[in-house]
Amino acid sequence: MGRILVGLCQVGAWGCFDEFNRLEERMLSAVSQQIQTIQEAVRAGGEMTVDLVGKRLNVNPNIGIFITMNPGYSGRSNLPDNLKQLFRSLAMTQPDRQLIAQVMLFSQGFRTAETLANKIVPLFILCKEQLSAQCHYDFGLRALKYVLVSAGNVKRDKLAKVGAAALEDVAEQQVIK
């Protein structure tokens, strides 16, 4: 970790350490001291030099250090208080797939978007739960969006061929089938 931080300091890059709370507590303590040293140098401005892993180096003021944590991970460590103070907390929630699907369908020209969203989202959830967990099965939000955009393309193709007057609301339900 120390060498990564040295590299970030020298080039002024941003680093995002994913699932930071999976590190052991003794490692977290050592890393928090290094991060604190870097942040103090950046806040002080002027000549920004720090001692990291036995090296004296200049700190590029563009450096950014970010962490993500997974509170659901069973083997996680609690962050020390001094490390918590170095970062701003940001909480995220699960996306509302139903609402996203409904908006996507409306944007694709479906008038019965709510009904269609109430059908396709549970289908994706059931597929994710019931089908085997193989890497080629993807029932995430990106796949759902792709299916909805594809349905919109099919609808537009049918409209171009048949004409808007001939295409009934029932046909919208058939596009998803």
N, C-alpha and C. Protein backbone atom coordinates (compact mmCIF):
# COMPACT_ATOMS: atom_id res chain seq x y z
N MET A 1 0.82 -1.20 0.00
CA MET A 1 0.00 0.00 0.00
C MET A 1 0.86 1.25 0.00
N GLY A 2 1.95 1.21 0.74
CA GLY A 2 2.83 2.38 0.83
C GLY A 2 3.37 2.80 -0.52
N ARG A 3 3.75 1.82 -1.33
CA ARG A 3 4.30 2.14 -2.66
C ARG A 3 3.23 2.73 -3.57
N ILE A 4 2.01 2.25 -3.43
CA ILE A 4 0.91 2.82 -4.22
C ILE A 4 0.69 4.27 -3.82
N LEU A 5 0.70 4.55 -2.53
CA LEU A 5 0.51 5.92 -2.05
C LEU A 5 1.65 6.82 -2.52
N VAL A 6 2.87 6.30 -2.53
CA VAL A 6 4.02 7.07 -3.02
C VAL A 6 3.79 7.45 -4.49
N GLY A 7 3.34 6.51 -5.29
CA GLY A 7 3.07 6.78 -6.70
C GLY A 7 1.98 7.81 -6.89
N LEU A 8 0.92 7.71 -6.11
CA LEU A 8 -0.17 8.69 -6.20
C LEU A 8 0.33 10.08 -5.86
N CYS A 9 1.15 10.17 -4.81
CA CYS A 9 1.71 11.46 -4.39
C CYS A 9 2.56 12.09 -5.48
N GLN A 10 3.36 11.30 -6.11
CA GLN A 10 4.31 11.83 -7.09
C GLN A 10 3.64 12.33 -8.37
N VAL A 11 2.61 11.62 -8.83
CA VAL A 11 1.99 12.02 -10.09
C VAL A 11 0.70 12.82 -9.90
N GLY A 12 0.19 12.88 -8.68
CA GLY A 12 -1.04 13.62 -8.44
C GLY A 12 -2.28 12.91 -8.94
N ALA A 13 -2.22 11.60 -8.96
CA ALA A 13 -3.35 10.82 -9.44
C ALA A 13 -4.37 10.62 -8.32
N TRP A 14 -5.52 10.15 -8.71
CA TRP A 14 -6.55 9.78 -7.74
C TRP A 14 -6.52 8.26 -7.61
N GLY A 15 -6.66 7.79 -6.38
CA GLY A 15 -6.70 6.36 -6.13
C GLY A 15 -7.95 6.01 -5.36
N CYS A 16 -8.64 4.96 -5.80
CA CYS A 16 -9.83 4.49 -5.10
C CYS A 16 -9.57 3.06 -4.65
N PHE A 17 -9.54 2.88 -3.35
CA PHE A 17 -9.27 1.56 -2.78
C PHE A 17 -10.60 0.90 -2.45
N ASP A 18 -10.93 -0.13 -3.21
CA ASP A 18 -12.22 -0.80 -3.11
C ASP A 18 -12.24 -1.76 -1.93
N GLU A 19 -13.37 -1.80 -1.24
CA GLU A 19 -13.59 -2.66 -0.07
C GLU A 19 -12.43 -2.55 0.92
N PHE A 20 -12.16 -1.32 1.29
CA PHE A 20 -11.04 -0.99 2.17
C PHE A 20 -11.16 -1.69 3.52
N ASN A 21 -12.38 -1.93 3.97
CA ASN A 21 -12.58 -2.55 5.28
C ASN A 21 -12.27 -4.05 5.28
N ARG A 22 -11.79 -4.59 4.18
CA ARG A 22 -11.35 -5.99 4.16
C ARG A 22 -9.90 -6.13 4.61
N LEU A 23 -9.19 -5.01 4.72
CA LEU A 23 -7.81 -5.06 5.22
C LEU A 23 -7.82 -5.41 6.71
N GLU A 24 -6.75 -6.01 7.16
CA GLU A 24 -6.62 -6.33 8.58
C GLU A 24 -6.46 -5.03 9.37
N GLU A 25 -6.87 -5.06 10.63
CA GLU A 25 -6.84 -3.84 11.45
C GLU A 25 -5.44 -3.27 11.60
N ARG A 26 -4.43 -4.12 11.71
CA ARG A 26 -3.06 -3.59 11.86
C ARG A 26 -2.62 -2.88 10.58
N MET A 27 -3.05 -3.40 9.42
CA MET A 27 -2.75 -2.75 8.15
C MET A 27 -3.51 -1.42 8.03
N LEU A 28 -4.76 -1.42 8.46
CA LEU A 28 -5.56 -0.20 8.43
C LEU A 28 -4.91 0.91 9.24
N SER A 29 -4.38 0.55 10.38
CA SER A 29 -3.74 1.54 11.25
C SER A 29 -2.53 2.16 10.58
N ALA A 30 -1.70 1.33 9.95
CA ALA A 30 -0.50 1.84 9.28
C ALA A 30 -0.87 2.72 8.08
N VAL A 31 -1.85 2.28 7.31
CA VAL A 31 -2.26 3.03 6.13
C VAL A 31 -2.90 4.36 6.54
N SER A 32 -3.67 4.35 7.62
CA SER A 32 -4.31 5.59 8.05
C SER A 32 -3.27 6.64 8.43
N GLN A 33 -2.17 6.22 9.01
CA GLN A 33 -1.10 7.17 9.35
C GLN A 33 -0.49 7.77 8.09
N GLN A 34 -0.28 6.95 7.07
CA GLN A 34 0.28 7.45 5.81
C GLN A 34 -0.69 8.41 5.11
N ILE A 35 -1.96 8.06 5.10
CA ILE A 35 -2.96 8.92 4.46
C ILE A 35 -3.07 10.25 5.20
N GLN A 36 -3.03 10.18 6.52
CA GLN A 36 -3.10 11.40 7.32
C GLN A 36 -1.91 12.32 7.02
N THR A 37 -0.74 11.75 6.88
CA THR A 37 0.46 12.53 6.54
C THR A 37 0.28 13.23 5.20
N ILE A 38 -0.25 12.52 4.23
CA ILE A 38 -0.47 13.09 2.89
C ILE A 38 -1.50 14.21 2.95
N GLN A 39 -2.61 13.97 3.64
CA GLN A 39 -3.66 14.98 3.71
C GLN A 39 -3.20 16.25 4.43
N GLU A 40 -2.41 16.09 5.47
CA GLU A 40 -1.89 17.26 6.19
C GLU A 40 -0.98 18.08 5.29
N ALA A 41 -0.18 17.41 4.47
CA ALA A 41 0.72 18.12 3.54
C ALA A 41 -0.08 18.90 2.50
N VAL A 42 -1.14 18.30 1.98
CA VAL A 42 -1.97 18.97 0.97
C VAL A 42 -2.69 20.17 1.58
N ARG A 43 -3.23 20.01 2.78
CA ARG A 43 -3.92 21.12 3.45
C ARG A 43 -2.99 22.27 3.77
N ALA A 44 -1.75 21.96 4.11
CA ALA A 44 -0.79 22.99 4.49
C ALA A 44 -0.40 23.85 3.30
N GLY A 45 -0.42 23.29 2.11
CA GLY A 45 -0.03 24.04 0.91
C GLY A 45 1.47 24.31 0.93
N GLY A 46 1.90 25.30 0.15
CA GLY A 46 3.32 25.63 0.11
C GLY A 46 4.14 24.46 -0.38
N GLU A 47 5.33 24.30 0.19
CA GLU A 47 6.19 23.18 -0.17
C GLU A 47 5.65 21.92 0.49
N MET A 48 5.17 21.01 -0.33
CA MET A 48 4.52 19.82 0.21
C MET A 48 5.44 18.62 0.07
N THR A 49 6.16 18.32 1.12
CA THR A 49 7.01 17.13 1.14
C THR A 49 6.60 16.27 2.32
N VAL A 50 6.65 14.98 2.10
CA VAL A 50 6.30 14.03 3.16
C VAL A 50 7.31 12.89 3.17
N ASP A 51 7.35 12.20 4.29
CA ASP A 51 8.15 10.99 4.42
C ASP A 51 7.20 9.79 4.38
N LEU A 52 7.33 8.99 3.33
CA LEU A 52 6.52 7.78 3.20
C LEU A 52 7.44 6.62 2.88
N VAL A 53 7.22 5.51 3.54
CA VAL A 53 7.99 4.27 3.38
C VAL A 53 9.49 4.55 3.24
N GLY A 54 9.98 5.41 4.09
CA GLY A 54 11.41 5.70 4.13
C GLY A 54 11.92 6.61 3.03
N LYS A 55 11.01 7.25 2.29
CA LYS A 55 11.42 8.15 1.21
C LYS A 55 10.85 9.54 1.47
N ARG A 56 11.62 10.54 1.15
CA ARG A 56 11.15 11.92 1.23
C ARG A 56 10.73 12.32 -0.18
N LEU A 57 9.48 12.75 -0.34
CA LEU A 57 9.01 13.06 -1.67
C LEU A 57 8.07 14.26 -1.67
N ASN A 58 7.99 14.89 -2.83
CA ASN A 58 7.07 16.01 -3.02
C ASN A 58 5.68 15.46 -3.29
N VAL A 59 4.67 16.15 -2.76
CA VAL A 59 3.29 15.73 -2.95
C VAL A 59 2.65 16.64 -4.00
N ASN A 60 2.15 16.03 -5.05
CA ASN A 60 1.42 16.77 -6.08
C ASN A 60 0.06 17.15 -5.48
N PRO A 61 -0.34 18.42 -5.53
CA PRO A 61 -1.59 18.85 -4.88
C PRO A 61 -2.85 18.27 -5.51
N ASN A 62 -2.74 17.63 -6.66
CA ASN A 62 -3.92 17.06 -7.32
C ASN A 62 -4.27 15.67 -6.81
N ILE A 63 -3.50 15.14 -5.87
CA ILE A 63 -3.74 13.79 -5.36
C ILE A 63 -5.13 13.70 -4.74
N GLY A 64 -5.75 12.56 -4.92
CA GLY A 64 -7.04 12.28 -4.30
C GLY A 64 -7.05 10.83 -3.85
N ILE A 65 -7.50 10.59 -2.64
CA ILE A 65 -7.56 9.23 -2.11
C ILE A 65 -9.00 8.97 -1.68
N PHE A 66 -9.57 7.90 -2.20
CA PHE A 66 -10.94 7.54 -1.92
C PHE A 66 -10.99 6.07 -1.52
N ILE A 67 -11.98 5.72 -0.71
CA ILE A 67 -12.14 4.32 -0.32
C ILE A 67 -13.61 3.93 -0.46
N THR A 68 -13.84 2.65 -0.72
CA THR A 68 -15.19 2.11 -0.66
C THR A 68 -15.19 1.02 0.41
N MET A 69 -16.35 0.83 0.99
CA MET A 69 -16.49 -0.21 2.02
C MET A 69 -17.74 -1.01 1.72
N ASN A 70 -17.70 -2.27 2.07
CA ASN A 70 -18.84 -3.15 1.91
C ASN A 70 -19.30 -3.58 3.29
N PRO A 71 -20.35 -2.96 3.82
CA PRO A 71 -20.79 -3.30 5.18
C PRO A 71 -21.33 -4.72 5.29
N GLY A 72 -21.69 -5.35 4.17
CA GLY A 72 -22.23 -6.70 4.20
C GLY A 72 -21.18 -7.79 4.23
N TYR A 73 -19.92 -7.45 4.07
CA TYR A 73 -18.84 -8.44 4.04
C TYR A 73 -18.62 -8.99 5.44
N SER A 74 -18.65 -10.30 5.60
CA SER A 74 -18.59 -10.92 6.93
C SER A 74 -17.23 -10.78 7.60
N GLY A 75 -16.14 -10.77 6.85
CA GLY A 75 -14.81 -10.69 7.45
C GLY A 75 -14.26 -9.28 7.52
N ARG A 76 -15.15 -8.30 7.53
CA ARG A 76 -14.69 -6.91 7.49
C ARG A 76 -14.10 -6.47 8.82
N SER A 77 -13.26 -5.46 8.74
CA SER A 77 -12.69 -4.84 9.94
C SER A 77 -13.38 -3.51 10.17
N ASN A 78 -13.43 -3.11 11.42
CA ASN A 78 -13.95 -1.78 11.73
C ASN A 78 -12.84 -0.77 11.50
N LEU A 79 -13.19 0.34 10.88
CA LEU A 79 -12.18 1.37 10.63
C LEU A 79 -11.83 2.07 11.94
N PRO A 80 -10.55 2.31 12.16
CA PRO A 80 -10.16 3.08 13.35
C PRO A 80 -10.73 4.50 13.25
N ASP A 81 -10.99 5.12 14.40
CA ASP A 81 -11.57 6.46 14.42
C ASP A 81 -10.72 7.48 13.68
N ASN A 82 -9.38 7.37 13.83
CA ASN A 82 -8.53 8.34 13.14
C ASN A 82 -8.64 8.21 11.62
N LEU A 83 -8.95 7.00 11.12
CA LEU A 83 -9.12 6.81 9.69
C LEU A 83 -10.49 7.31 9.23
N LYS A 84 -11.50 7.10 10.05
CA LYS A 84 -12.84 7.59 9.71
C LYS A 84 -12.84 9.10 9.53
N GLN A 85 -12.05 9.80 10.33
CA GLN A 85 -12.01 11.26 10.28
C GLN A 85 -11.34 11.78 9.01
N LEU A 86 -10.60 10.95 8.32
CA LEU A 86 -9.88 11.38 7.13
C LEU A 86 -10.75 11.39 5.87
N PHE A 87 -11.93 10.78 5.93
CA PHE A 87 -12.78 10.65 4.76
C PHE A 87 -14.18 11.16 5.05
N ARG A 88 -14.84 11.63 4.01
CA ARG A 88 -16.25 12.01 4.12
C ARG A 88 -17.09 10.78 3.84
N SER A 89 -18.10 10.57 4.66
CA SER A 89 -18.98 9.41 4.47
C SER A 89 -20.03 9.71 3.41
N LEU A 90 -20.36 8.69 2.67
CA LEU A 90 -21.37 8.78 1.64
C LEU A 90 -22.09 7.44 1.62
N ALA A 91 -23.39 7.45 1.78
CA ALA A 91 -24.15 6.21 1.79
C ALA A 91 -24.84 6.02 0.44
N MET A 92 -24.92 4.79 0.01
CA MET A 92 -25.58 4.49 -1.26
C MET A 92 -26.62 3.40 -1.01
N THR A 93 -27.66 3.42 -1.81
CA THR A 93 -28.72 2.42 -1.69
C THR A 93 -28.84 1.65 -3.00
N GLN A 94 -29.64 0.62 -2.97
CA GLN A 94 -29.89 -0.16 -4.17
C GLN A 94 -30.77 0.66 -5.12
N PRO A 95 -30.54 0.58 -6.41
CA PRO A 95 -31.38 1.33 -7.36
C PRO A 95 -32.79 0.75 -7.41
N ASP A 96 -33.77 1.60 -7.66
CA ASP A 96 -35.16 1.18 -7.79
C ASP A 96 -35.36 0.70 -9.23
N ARG A 97 -35.21 -0.59 -9.43
CA ARG A 97 -35.28 -1.17 -10.78
C ARG A 97 -36.63 -0.91 -11.43
N GLN A 98 -37.68 -0.98 -10.63
CA GLN A 98 -39.03 -0.79 -11.15
C GLN A 98 -39.17 0.61 -11.77
N LEU A 99 -38.74 1.61 -11.04
CA LEU A 99 -38.84 2.99 -11.52
C LEU A 99 -37.93 3.22 -12.72
N ILE A 100 -36.72 2.67 -12.66
CA ILE A 100 -35.79 2.82 -13.78
C ILE A 100 -36.37 2.18 -15.04
N ALA A 101 -36.93 0.98 -14.92
CA ALA A 101 -37.52 0.29 -16.07
C ALA A 101 -38.70 1.09 -16.62
N GLN A 102 -39.52 1.61 -15.73
CA GLN A 102 -40.68 2.38 -16.16
C GLN A 102 -40.26 3.63 -16.94
N VAL A 103 -39.30 4.36 -16.43
CA VAL A 103 -38.82 5.57 -17.11
C VAL A 103 -38.18 5.21 -18.45
N MET A 104 -37.39 4.14 -18.45
CA MET A 104 -36.75 3.71 -19.71
C MET A 104 -37.81 3.35 -20.75
N LEU A 105 -38.85 2.63 -20.34
CA LEU A 105 -39.90 2.24 -21.28
C LEU A 105 -40.67 3.46 -21.79
N PHE A 106 -40.97 4.40 -20.90
CA PHE A 106 -41.63 5.64 -21.35
C PHE A 106 -40.74 6.36 -22.36
N SER A 107 -39.45 6.41 -22.09
CA SER A 107 -38.53 7.12 -22.99
C SER A 107 -38.40 6.40 -24.34
N GLN A 108 -38.71 5.12 -24.36
CA GLN A 108 -38.67 4.35 -25.61
C GLN A 108 -40.00 4.40 -26.36
N GLY A 109 -40.98 5.13 -25.79
CA GLY A 109 -42.26 5.31 -26.48
C GLY A 109 -43.36 4.36 -26.08
N PHE A 110 -43.20 3.60 -25.01
CA PHE A 110 -44.24 2.68 -24.57
C PHE A 110 -45.24 3.43 -23.69
N ARG A 111 -46.53 3.38 -24.09
CA ARG A 111 -47.57 4.07 -23.31
C ARG A 111 -47.95 3.27 -22.07
N THR A 112 -47.76 1.98 -22.10
CA THR A 112 -48.12 1.13 -20.95
C THR A 112 -46.85 0.74 -20.17
N ALA A 113 -45.99 1.71 -19.97
CA ALA A 113 -44.69 1.45 -19.35
C ALA A 113 -44.80 0.88 -17.95
N GLU A 114 -45.76 1.36 -17.18
CA GLU A 114 -45.89 0.88 -15.80
C GLU A 114 -46.23 -0.61 -15.77
N THR A 115 -47.18 -1.01 -16.60
CA THR A 115 -47.58 -2.42 -16.67
C THR A 115 -46.42 -3.29 -17.14
N LEU A 116 -45.73 -2.82 -18.17
CA LEU A 116 -44.60 -3.58 -18.70
C LEU A 116 -43.47 -3.69 -17.67
N ALA A 117 -43.20 -2.61 -16.96
CA ALA A 117 -42.15 -2.64 -15.93
C ALA A 117 -42.52 -3.62 -14.83
N ASN A 118 -43.82 -3.68 -14.49
CA ASN A 118 -44.28 -4.62 -13.45
C ASN A 118 -44.14 -6.07 -13.89
N LYS A 119 -43.95 -6.31 -15.17
CA LYS A 119 -43.77 -7.67 -15.67
C LYS A 119 -42.30 -8.02 -15.86
N ILE A 120 -41.54 -7.11 -16.43
CA ILE A 120 -40.17 -7.45 -16.81
C ILE A 120 -39.21 -7.44 -15.62
N VAL A 121 -39.40 -6.54 -14.66
CA VAL A 121 -38.49 -6.50 -13.51
C VAL A 121 -38.59 -7.78 -12.68
N PRO A 122 -39.81 -8.25 -12.34
CA PRO A 122 -39.88 -9.54 -11.63
C PRO A 122 -39.30 -10.70 -12.43
N LEU A 123 -39.43 -10.65 -13.76
CA LEU A 123 -38.84 -11.69 -14.60
C LEU A 123 -37.32 -11.71 -14.43
N PHE A 124 -36.69 -10.55 -14.45
CA PHE A 124 -35.24 -10.47 -14.26
C PHE A 124 -34.84 -10.96 -12.87
N ILE A 125 -35.62 -10.59 -11.87
CA ILE A 125 -35.32 -11.02 -10.49
C ILE A 125 -35.43 -12.54 -10.38
N LEU A 126 -36.49 -13.11 -10.96
CA LEU A 126 -36.65 -14.57 -10.93
C LEU A 126 -35.53 -15.28 -11.67
N CYS A 127 -35.15 -14.75 -12.81
CA CYS A 127 -34.04 -15.36 -13.57
C CYS A 127 -32.75 -15.34 -12.75
N LYS A 128 -32.51 -14.22 -12.09
CA LYS A 128 -31.29 -14.11 -11.27
C LYS A 128 -31.31 -15.10 -10.12
N GLU A 129 -32.49 -15.29 -9.52
CA GLU A 129 -32.61 -16.20 -8.38
C GLU A 129 -32.63 -17.67 -8.79
N GLN A 130 -33.30 -17.99 -9.89
CA GLN A 130 -33.56 -19.38 -10.25
C GLN A 130 -32.50 -20.02 -11.14
N LEU A 131 -31.90 -19.23 -12.02
CA LEU A 131 -30.91 -19.80 -12.93
C LEU A 131 -29.57 -19.94 -12.22
N SER A 132 -28.76 -20.85 -12.71
CA SER A 132 -27.46 -21.09 -12.07
C SER A 132 -26.58 -19.85 -12.18
N ALA A 133 -25.69 -19.70 -11.24
CA ALA A 133 -24.83 -18.51 -11.16
C ALA A 133 -23.61 -18.66 -12.05
N GLN A 134 -23.82 -18.65 -13.35
CA GLN A 134 -22.72 -18.75 -14.30
C GLN A 134 -22.41 -17.35 -14.83
N CYS A 135 -21.16 -17.14 -15.19
CA CYS A 135 -20.72 -15.80 -15.56
C CYS A 135 -21.43 -15.27 -16.81
N HIS A 136 -21.91 -16.13 -17.69
CA HIS A 136 -22.58 -15.65 -18.90
C HIS A 136 -24.04 -15.28 -18.65
N TYR A 137 -24.56 -15.57 -17.46
CA TYR A 137 -25.90 -15.11 -17.09
C TYR A 137 -25.76 -13.77 -16.39
N ASP A 138 -26.30 -12.74 -16.99
CA ASP A 138 -26.24 -11.42 -16.38
C ASP A 138 -27.64 -10.84 -16.35
N PHE A 139 -28.17 -10.69 -15.17
CA PHE A 139 -29.50 -10.13 -15.02
C PHE A 139 -29.45 -8.86 -14.18
N GLY A 140 -28.36 -8.14 -14.31
CA GLY A 140 -28.19 -6.90 -13.59
C GLY A 140 -28.89 -5.74 -14.29
N LEU A 141 -28.66 -4.56 -13.75
CA LEU A 141 -29.31 -3.36 -14.25
C LEU A 141 -28.87 -3.04 -15.69
N ARG A 142 -27.62 -3.27 -16.00
CA ARG A 142 -27.12 -2.99 -17.36
C ARG A 142 -27.83 -3.89 -18.38
N ALA A 143 -28.02 -5.16 -18.03
CA ALA A 143 -28.71 -6.08 -18.94
C ALA A 143 -30.19 -5.69 -19.09
N LEU A 144 -30.81 -5.28 -17.99
CA LEU A 144 -32.20 -4.84 -18.05
C LEU A 144 -32.34 -3.63 -18.97
N LYS A 145 -31.44 -2.69 -18.84
CA LYS A 145 -31.47 -1.50 -19.69
C LYS A 145 -31.30 -1.88 -21.16
N TYR A 146 -30.39 -2.80 -21.43
CA TYR A 146 -30.16 -3.24 -22.81
C TYR A 146 -31.43 -3.86 -23.40
N VAL A 147 -32.12 -4.68 -22.62
CA VAL A 147 -33.35 -5.32 -23.09
C VAL A 147 -34.42 -4.27 -23.37
N LEU A 148 -34.54 -3.28 -22.50
CA LEU A 148 -35.56 -2.24 -22.68
C LEU A 148 -35.27 -1.38 -23.91
N VAL A 149 -34.02 -1.03 -24.11
CA VAL A 149 -33.65 -0.25 -25.30
C VAL A 149 -33.89 -1.09 -26.56
N SER A 150 -33.57 -2.37 -26.50
CA SER A 150 -33.82 -3.26 -27.65
C SER A 150 -35.32 -3.36 -27.95
N ALA A 151 -36.14 -3.42 -26.90
CA ALA A 151 -37.59 -3.45 -27.10
C ALA A 151 -38.06 -2.16 -27.77
N GLY A 152 -37.47 -1.04 -27.38
CA GLY A 152 -37.81 0.23 -28.02
C GLY A 152 -37.43 0.23 -29.49
N ASN A 153 -36.28 -0.36 -29.81
CA ASN A 153 -35.86 -0.45 -31.22
C ASN A 153 -36.82 -1.32 -32.02
N VAL A 154 -37.26 -2.43 -31.43
CA VAL A 154 -38.23 -3.32 -32.11
C VAL A 154 -39.53 -2.56 -32.34
N LYS A 155 -39.98 -1.83 -31.34
CA LYS A 155 -41.24 -1.07 -31.48
C LYS A 155 -41.11 -0.04 -32.59
N ARG A 156 -40.02 0.70 -32.63
CA ARG A 156 -39.83 1.71 -33.67
C ARG A 156 -39.76 1.07 -35.06
N ASP A 157 -39.11 -0.08 -35.16
CA ASP A 157 -39.06 -0.79 -36.45
C ASP A 157 -40.46 -1.20 -36.91
N LYS A 158 -41.28 -1.71 -35.98
CA LYS A 158 -42.65 -2.11 -36.33
C LYS A 158 -43.48 -0.89 -36.72
N LEU A 159 -43.29 0.21 -36.00
CA LEU A 159 -44.02 1.44 -36.34
C LEU A 159 -43.67 1.91 -37.74
N ALA A 160 -42.41 1.82 -38.08
CA ALA A 160 -41.97 2.26 -39.41
C ALA A 160 -42.56 1.38 -40.51
N LYS A 161 -42.70 0.09 -40.25
CA LYS A 161 -43.21 -0.83 -41.26
C LYS A 161 -44.73 -0.79 -41.38
N VAL A 162 -45.43 -0.81 -40.23
CA VAL A 162 -46.88 -0.93 -40.23
C VAL A 162 -47.56 0.43 -40.24
N GLY A 163 -46.99 1.39 -39.54
CA GLY A 163 -47.63 2.69 -39.39
C GLY A 163 -48.22 2.82 -38.01
N ALA A 164 -48.24 4.02 -37.50
CA ALA A 164 -48.67 4.26 -36.12
C ALA A 164 -50.13 3.92 -35.90
N ALA A 165 -50.99 4.16 -36.88
CA ALA A 165 -52.42 3.93 -36.70
C ALA A 165 -52.74 2.45 -36.57
N ALA A 166 -52.02 1.62 -37.26
CA ALA A 166 -52.31 0.19 -37.26
C ALA A 166 -51.79 -0.52 -36.01
N LEU A 167 -50.82 0.08 -35.33
CA LEU A 167 -50.22 -0.57 -34.17
C LEU A 167 -51.04 -0.25 -32.93
N GLU A 168 -51.63 -1.27 -32.31
CA GLU A 168 -52.48 -1.06 -31.14
C GLU A 168 -51.67 -1.21 -29.87
N ASP A 169 -52.30 -0.84 -28.72
CA ASP A 169 -51.66 -0.98 -27.41
C ASP A 169 -51.29 -2.43 -27.12
N VAL A 170 -52.09 -3.36 -27.63
CA VAL A 170 -51.81 -4.77 -27.40
C VAL A 170 -50.44 -5.13 -27.97
N ALA A 171 -50.08 -4.50 -29.06
CA ALA A 171 -48.79 -4.79 -29.69
C ALA A 171 -47.63 -4.44 -28.77
N GLU A 172 -47.81 -3.43 -27.90
CA GLU A 172 -46.74 -3.09 -26.95
C GLU A 172 -46.44 -4.28 -26.05
N GLN A 173 -47.47 -4.96 -25.61
CA GLN A 173 -47.28 -6.13 -24.76
C GLN A 173 -46.56 -7.23 -25.53
N GLN A 174 -46.82 -7.33 -26.82
CA GLN A 174 -46.21 -8.37 -27.64
C GLN A 174 -44.75 -8.08 -27.93
N VAL A 175 -44.36 -6.83 -27.94
CA VAL A 175 -42.96 -6.49 -28.20
C VAL A 175 -42.08 -7.06 -27.10
N ILE A 176 -42.56 -7.02 -25.87
CA ILE A 176 -41.78 -7.52 -24.73
C ILE A 176 -41.74 -9.04 -24.71
N LYS A 177 -42.76 -9.70 -25.26
CA LYS A 177 -42.81 -11.17 -25.22
C LYS A 177 -41.68 -11.79 -25.98
